[in-house]
């Protein structure tokens, strides 16, 4: 009788833990086009890492 109760309870607990997950953040990397949209700029060129001229 105990085995019949332990297996379903274990499955329920395993399902509950499996459904919980954490998503990783973007780590600050946003595409230049998205930054352009957010700032309202006309060009994404200043936000592209390979386009910065010194």
PDB file of N, CA and C in Angstrom:
ATOM      1  N   UNK A   1       0.832  -1.200   0.000  1.00  0.00           N
ATOM      2  CA  UNK A   1       0.000   0.000   0.000  1.00  0.00           C
ATOM      3  C   UNK A   1       0.868   1.253   0.000  1.00  0.00           C
ATOM      4  N   UNK A   2       1.990   1.217   0.734  1.00  0.00           N
ATOM      5  CA  UNK A   2       2.851   2.387   0.797  1.00  0.00           C
ATOM      6  C   UNK A   2       3.456   2.703  -0.567  1.00  0.00           C
ATOM      7  N   UNK A   3       3.862   1.658  -1.307  1.00  0.00           N
ATOM      8  CA  UNK A   3       4.455   1.885  -2.627  1.00  0.00           C
ATOM      9  C   UNK A   3       3.454   2.524  -3.581  1.00  0.00           C
ATOM     10  N   UNK A   4       2.212   2.159  -3.452  1.00  0.00           N
ATOM     11  CA  UNK A   4       1.185   2.716  -4.318  1.00  0.00           C
ATOM     12  C   UNK A   4       0.979   4.206  -4.054  1.00  0.00           C
ATOM     13  N   UNK A   5       1.250   4.667  -2.863  1.00  0.00           N
ATOM     14  CA  UNK A   5       1.109   6.087  -2.535  1.00  0.00           C
ATOM     15  C   UNK A   5       2.391   6.861  -2.820  1.00  0.00           C
ATOM     16  N   UNK A   6       3.527   6.242  -2.622  1.00  0.00           N
ATOM     17  CA  UNK A   6       4.807   6.937  -2.786  1.00  0.00           C
ATOM     18  C   UNK A   6       5.056   7.297  -4.246  1.00  0.00           C
ATOM     19  N   UNK A   7       4.762   6.396  -5.154  1.00  0.00           N
ATOM     20  CA  UNK A   7       5.047   6.651  -6.578  1.00  0.00           C
ATOM     21  C   UNK A   7       4.237   7.831  -7.123  1.00  0.00           C
ATOM     22  N   UNK A   8       2.926   7.900  -6.925  1.00  0.00           N
ATOM     23  CA  UNK A   8       2.178   9.063  -7.431  1.00  0.00           C
ATOM     24  C   UNK A   8       2.608  10.378  -6.761  1.00  0.00           C
ATOM     25  N   UNK A   9       2.879  10.323  -5.477  1.00  0.00           N
ATOM     26  CA  UNK A   9       3.320  11.528  -4.768  1.00  0.00           C
ATOM     27  C   UNK A   9       4.669  11.993  -5.315  1.00  0.00           C
ATOM     28  N   UNK A  10       5.568  11.059  -5.563  1.00  0.00           N
ATOM     29  CA  UNK A  10       6.877  11.409  -6.138  1.00  0.00           C
ATOM     30  C   UNK A  10       6.697  12.034  -7.514  1.00  0.00           C
ATOM     31  N   UNK A  11       5.797  11.478  -8.327  1.00  0.00           N
ATOM     32  CA  UNK A  11       5.559  12.022  -9.666  1.00  0.00           C
ATOM     33  C   UNK A  11       4.995  13.442  -9.604  1.00  0.00           C
ATOM     34  N   UNK A  12       4.090  13.682  -8.677  1.00  0.00           N
ATOM     35  CA  UNK A  12       3.510  15.018  -8.524  1.00  0.00           C
ATOM     36  C   UNK A  12       4.572  16.017  -8.086  1.00  0.00           C
ATOM     37  N   UNK A  13       5.381  15.638  -7.115  1.00  0.00           N
ATOM     38  CA  UNK A  13       6.435  16.524  -6.633  1.00  0.00           C
ATOM     39  C   UNK A  13       7.462  16.787  -7.733  1.00  0.00           C
ATOM     40  N   UNK A  14       7.829  15.766  -8.480  1.00  0.00           N
ATOM     41  CA  UNK A  14       8.793  15.930  -9.573  1.00  0.00           C
ATOM     42  C   UNK A  14       8.234  16.862 -10.640  1.00  0.00           C
ATOM     43  N   UNK A  15       6.961  16.747 -10.945  1.00  0.00           N
ATOM     44  CA  UNK A  15       6.329  17.622 -11.936  1.00  0.00           C
ATOM     45  C   UNK A  15       6.316  19.070 -11.450  1.00  0.00           C
ATOM     46  N   UNK A  16       6.030  19.271 -10.184  1.00  0.00           N
ATOM     47  CA  UNK A  16       6.008  20.636  -9.649  1.00  0.00           C
ATOM     48  C   UNK A  16       7.393  21.276  -9.718  1.00  0.00           C
ATOM     49  N   UNK A  17       8.421  20.518  -9.384  1.00  0.00           N
ATOM     50  CA  UNK A  17       9.779  21.074  -9.431  1.00  0.00           C
ATOM     51  C   UNK A  17      10.257  21.268 -10.868  1.00  0.00           C
ATOM     52  N   UNK A  18       9.826  20.417 -11.771  1.00  0.00           N
ATOM     53  CA  UNK A  18      10.257  20.522 -13.163  1.00  0.00           C
ATOM     54  C   UNK A  18       9.621  21.724 -13.850  1.00  0.00           C
ATOM     55  N   UNK A  19       8.464  22.155 -13.365  1.00  0.00           N
ATOM     56  CA  UNK A  19       7.785  23.272 -14.014  1.00  0.00           C
ATOM     57  C   UNK A  19       8.337  24.626 -13.567  1.00  0.00           C
ATOM     58  N   UNK A  20       9.150  24.650 -12.538  1.00  0.00           N
ATOM     59  CA  UNK A  20       9.739  25.893 -12.069  1.00  0.00           C
ATOM     60  C   UNK A  20      11.099  26.092 -12.721  1.00  0.00           C
ATOM     61  N   UNK A  21      11.278  27.215 -13.363  1.00  0.00           N
ATOM     62  CA  UNK A  21      12.566  27.504 -13.976  1.00  0.00           C
ATOM     63  C   UNK A  21      12.811  29.003 -13.942  1.00  0.00           C
ATOM     64  N   UNK A  22      14.060  29.371 -13.989  1.00  0.00           N
ATOM     65  CA  UNK A  22      14.439  30.778 -13.996  1.00  0.00           C
ATOM     66  C   UNK A  22      15.005  31.105 -15.372  1.00  0.00           C
ATOM     67  N   UNK A  23      14.616  32.258 -15.875  1.00  0.00           N
ATOM     68  CA  UNK A  23      15.143  32.669 -17.168  1.00  0.00           C
ATOM     69  C   UNK A  23      16.319  33.608 -16.943  1.00  0.00           C
ATOM     70  N   UNK A  24      17.315  33.452 -17.765  1.00  0.00           N
ATOM     71  CA  UNK A  24      18.482  34.315 -17.660  1.00  0.00           C
ATOM     72  C   UNK A  24      18.157  35.654 -18.300  1.00  0.00           C
ATOM     73  N   UNK A  25      18.769  36.695 -17.797  1.00  0.00           N
ATOM     74  CA  UNK A  25      18.556  38.023 -18.339  1.00  0.00           C
ATOM     75  C   UNK A  25      19.269  38.211 -19.660  1.00  0.00           C
ATOM     76  N   UNK A  26      19.111  39.353 -20.224  1.00  0.00           N
ATOM     77  CA  UNK A  26      19.697  39.660 -21.520  1.00  0.00           C
ATOM     78  C   UNK A  26      21.168  40.029 -21.387  1.00  0.00           C
ATOM     79  N   UNK A  27      21.651  40.252 -20.224  1.00  0.00           N
ATOM     80  CA  UNK A  27      23.030  40.622 -19.902  1.00  0.00           C
ATOM     81  C   UNK A  27      23.462  41.916 -20.588  1.00  0.00           C
ATOM     82  N   UNK A  28      22.514  42.804 -20.860  1.00  0.00           N
ATOM     83  CA  UNK A  28      22.845  44.114 -21.384  1.00  0.00           C
ATOM     84  C   UNK A  28      23.105  44.185 -22.876  1.00  0.00           C
ATOM     85  N   UNK A  29      23.017  43.094 -23.599  1.00  0.00           N
ATOM     86  CA  UNK A  29      23.275  43.112 -25.037  1.00  0.00           C
ATOM     87  C   UNK A  29      21.954  43.299 -25.778  1.00  0.00           C
ATOM     88  N   UNK A  30      21.806  44.476 -26.351  1.00  0.00           N
ATOM     89  CA  UNK A  30      20.607  44.794 -27.106  1.00  0.00           C
ATOM     90  C   UNK A  30      21.044  45.143 -28.522  1.00  0.00           C
ATOM     91  N   UNK A  31      20.362  44.619 -29.544  1.00  0.00           N
ATOM     92  CA  UNK A  31      20.745  44.938 -30.914  1.00  0.00           C
ATOM     93  C   UNK A  31      20.652  46.435 -31.192  1.00  0.00           C
ATOM     94  N   UNK A  32      21.522  46.960 -32.059  1.00  0.00           N
ATOM     95  CA  UNK A  32      21.529  48.390 -32.348  1.00  0.00           C
ATOM     96  C   UNK A  32      20.178  48.927 -32.818  1.00  0.00           C
ATOM     97  N   UNK A  33      19.443  48.137 -33.597  1.00  0.00           N
ATOM     98  CA  UNK A  33      18.132  48.585 -34.071  1.00  0.00           C
ATOM     99  C   UNK A  33      17.143  48.784 -32.945  1.00  0.00           C
ATOM    100  N   UNK A  34      17.218  47.941 -31.931  1.00  0.00           N
ATOM    101  CA  UNK A  34      16.316  48.075 -30.790  1.00  0.00           C
ATOM    102  C   UNK A  34      16.668  49.300 -29.957  1.00  0.00           C
ATOM    103  N   UNK A  35      17.965  49.599 -29.819  1.00  0.00           N
ATOM    104  CA  UNK A  35      18.392  50.796 -29.086  1.00  0.00           C
ATOM    105  C   UNK A  35      17.912  52.028 -29.838  1.00  0.00           C
ATOM    106  N   UNK A  36      18.022  51.984 -31.171  1.00  0.00           N
ATOM    107  CA  UNK A  36      17.566  53.093 -32.009  1.00  0.00           C
ATOM    108  C   UNK A  36      16.079  53.359 -31.778  1.00  0.00           C
ATOM    109  N   UNK A  37      15.288  52.299 -31.727  1.00  0.00           N
ATOM    110  CA  UNK A  37      13.850  52.452 -31.493  1.00  0.00           C
ATOM    111  C   UNK A  37      13.588  53.046 -30.108  1.00  0.00           C
ATOM    112  N   UNK A  38      14.333  52.586 -29.117  1.00  0.00           N
ATOM    113  CA  UNK A  38      14.112  53.042 -27.743  1.00  0.00           C
ATOM    114  C   UNK A  38      14.495  54.506 -27.564  1.00  0.00           C
ATOM    115  N   UNK A  39      15.552  54.935 -28.242  1.00  0.00           N
ATOM    116  CA  UNK A  39      16.017  56.318 -28.085  1.00  0.00           C
ATOM    117  C   UNK A  39      15.343  57.272 -29.058  1.00  0.00           C
ATOM    118  N   UNK A  40      14.742  56.737 -30.116  1.00  0.00           N
ATOM    119  CA  UNK A  40      14.095  57.588 -31.107  1.00  0.00           C
ATOM    120  C   UNK A  40      15.073  58.182 -32.103  1.00  0.00           C
ATOM    121  N   UNK A  41      16.263  57.613 -32.192  1.00  0.00           N
ATOM    122  CA  UNK A  41      17.272  58.115 -33.129  1.00  0.00           C
ATOM    123  C   UNK A  41      16.880  57.753 -34.552  1.00  0.00           C
ATOM    124  N   UNK A  42      17.458  58.468 -35.526  1.00  0.00           N
ATOM    125  CA  UNK A  42      17.160  58.190 -36.934  1.00  0.00           C
ATOM    126  C   UNK A  42      18.055  57.091 -37.488  1.00  0.00           C
ATOM    127  N   UNK A  43      19.202  56.851 -36.875  1.00  0.00           N
ATOM    128  CA  UNK A  43      20.137  55.853 -37.376  1.00  0.00           C
ATOM    129  C   UNK A  43      20.622  54.970 -36.230  1.00  0.00           C
ATOM    130  N   UNK A  44      20.867  53.695 -36.558  1.00  0.00           N
ATOM    131  CA  UNK A  44      21.391  52.756 -35.563  1.00  0.00           C
ATOM    132  C   UNK A  44      22.911  52.721 -35.589  1.00  0.00           C
ATOM    133  N   UNK A  45      23.511  53.450 -36.537  1.00  0.00           N
ATOM    134  CA  UNK A  45      24.964  53.399 -36.727  1.00  0.00           C
ATOM    135  C   UNK A  45      25.753  53.747 -35.453  1.00  0.00           C
ATOM    136  N   UNK A  46      25.372  54.769 -34.684  1.00  0.00           N
ATOM    137  CA  UNK A  46      26.150  55.074 -33.465  1.00  0.00           C
ATOM    138  C   UNK A  46      26.096  53.976 -32.404  1.00  0.00           C
ATOM    139  N   UNK A  47      25.106  53.115 -32.481  1.00  0.00           N
ATOM    140  CA  UNK A  47      24.947  52.060 -31.467  1.00  0.00           C
ATOM    141  C   UNK A  47      25.581  50.738 -31.890  1.00  0.00           C
ATOM    142  N   UNK A  48      26.026  50.624 -33.139  1.00  0.00           N
ATOM    143  CA  UNK A  48      26.641  49.397 -33.625  1.00  0.00           C
ATOM    144  C   UNK A  48      28.117  49.392 -33.218  1.00  0.00           C
ATOM    145  N   UNK A  49      28.605  48.320 -32.576  1.00  0.00           N
ATOM    146  CA  UNK A  49      29.961  48.308 -32.049  1.00  0.00           C
ATOM    147  C   UNK A  49      31.045  48.455 -33.123  1.00  0.00           C
ATOM    148  N   UNK A  50      30.831  47.983 -34.324  1.00  0.00           N
ATOM    149  CA  UNK A  50      31.853  48.073 -35.359  1.00  0.00           C
ATOM    150  C   UNK A  50      31.825  49.381 -36.125  1.00  0.00           C
ATOM    151  N   UNK A  51      30.864  50.248 -35.819  1.00  0.00           N
ATOM    152  CA  UNK A  51      30.698  51.474 -36.580  1.00  0.00           C
ATOM    153  C   UNK A  51      31.196  52.712 -35.836  1.00  0.00           C
ATOM    154  N   UNK A  52      31.755  52.545 -34.653  1.00  0.00           N
ATOM    155  CA  UNK A  52      32.239  53.690 -33.878  1.00  0.00           C
ATOM    156  C   UNK A  52      33.619  54.103 -34.358  1.00  0.00           C
ATOM    157  N   UNK A  53      33.707  55.268 -34.932  1.00  0.00           N
ATOM    158  CA  UNK A  53      34.963  55.773 -35.477  1.00  0.00           C
ATOM    159  C   UNK A  53      35.551  56.793 -34.519  1.00  0.00           C
ATOM    160  N   UNK A  54      36.849  56.682 -34.239  1.00  0.00           N
ATOM    161  CA  UNK A  54      37.495  57.654 -33.337  1.00  0.00           C
ATOM    162  C   UNK A  54      38.454  58.508 -34.090  1.00  0.00           C
TER     163      UNK A  54
END
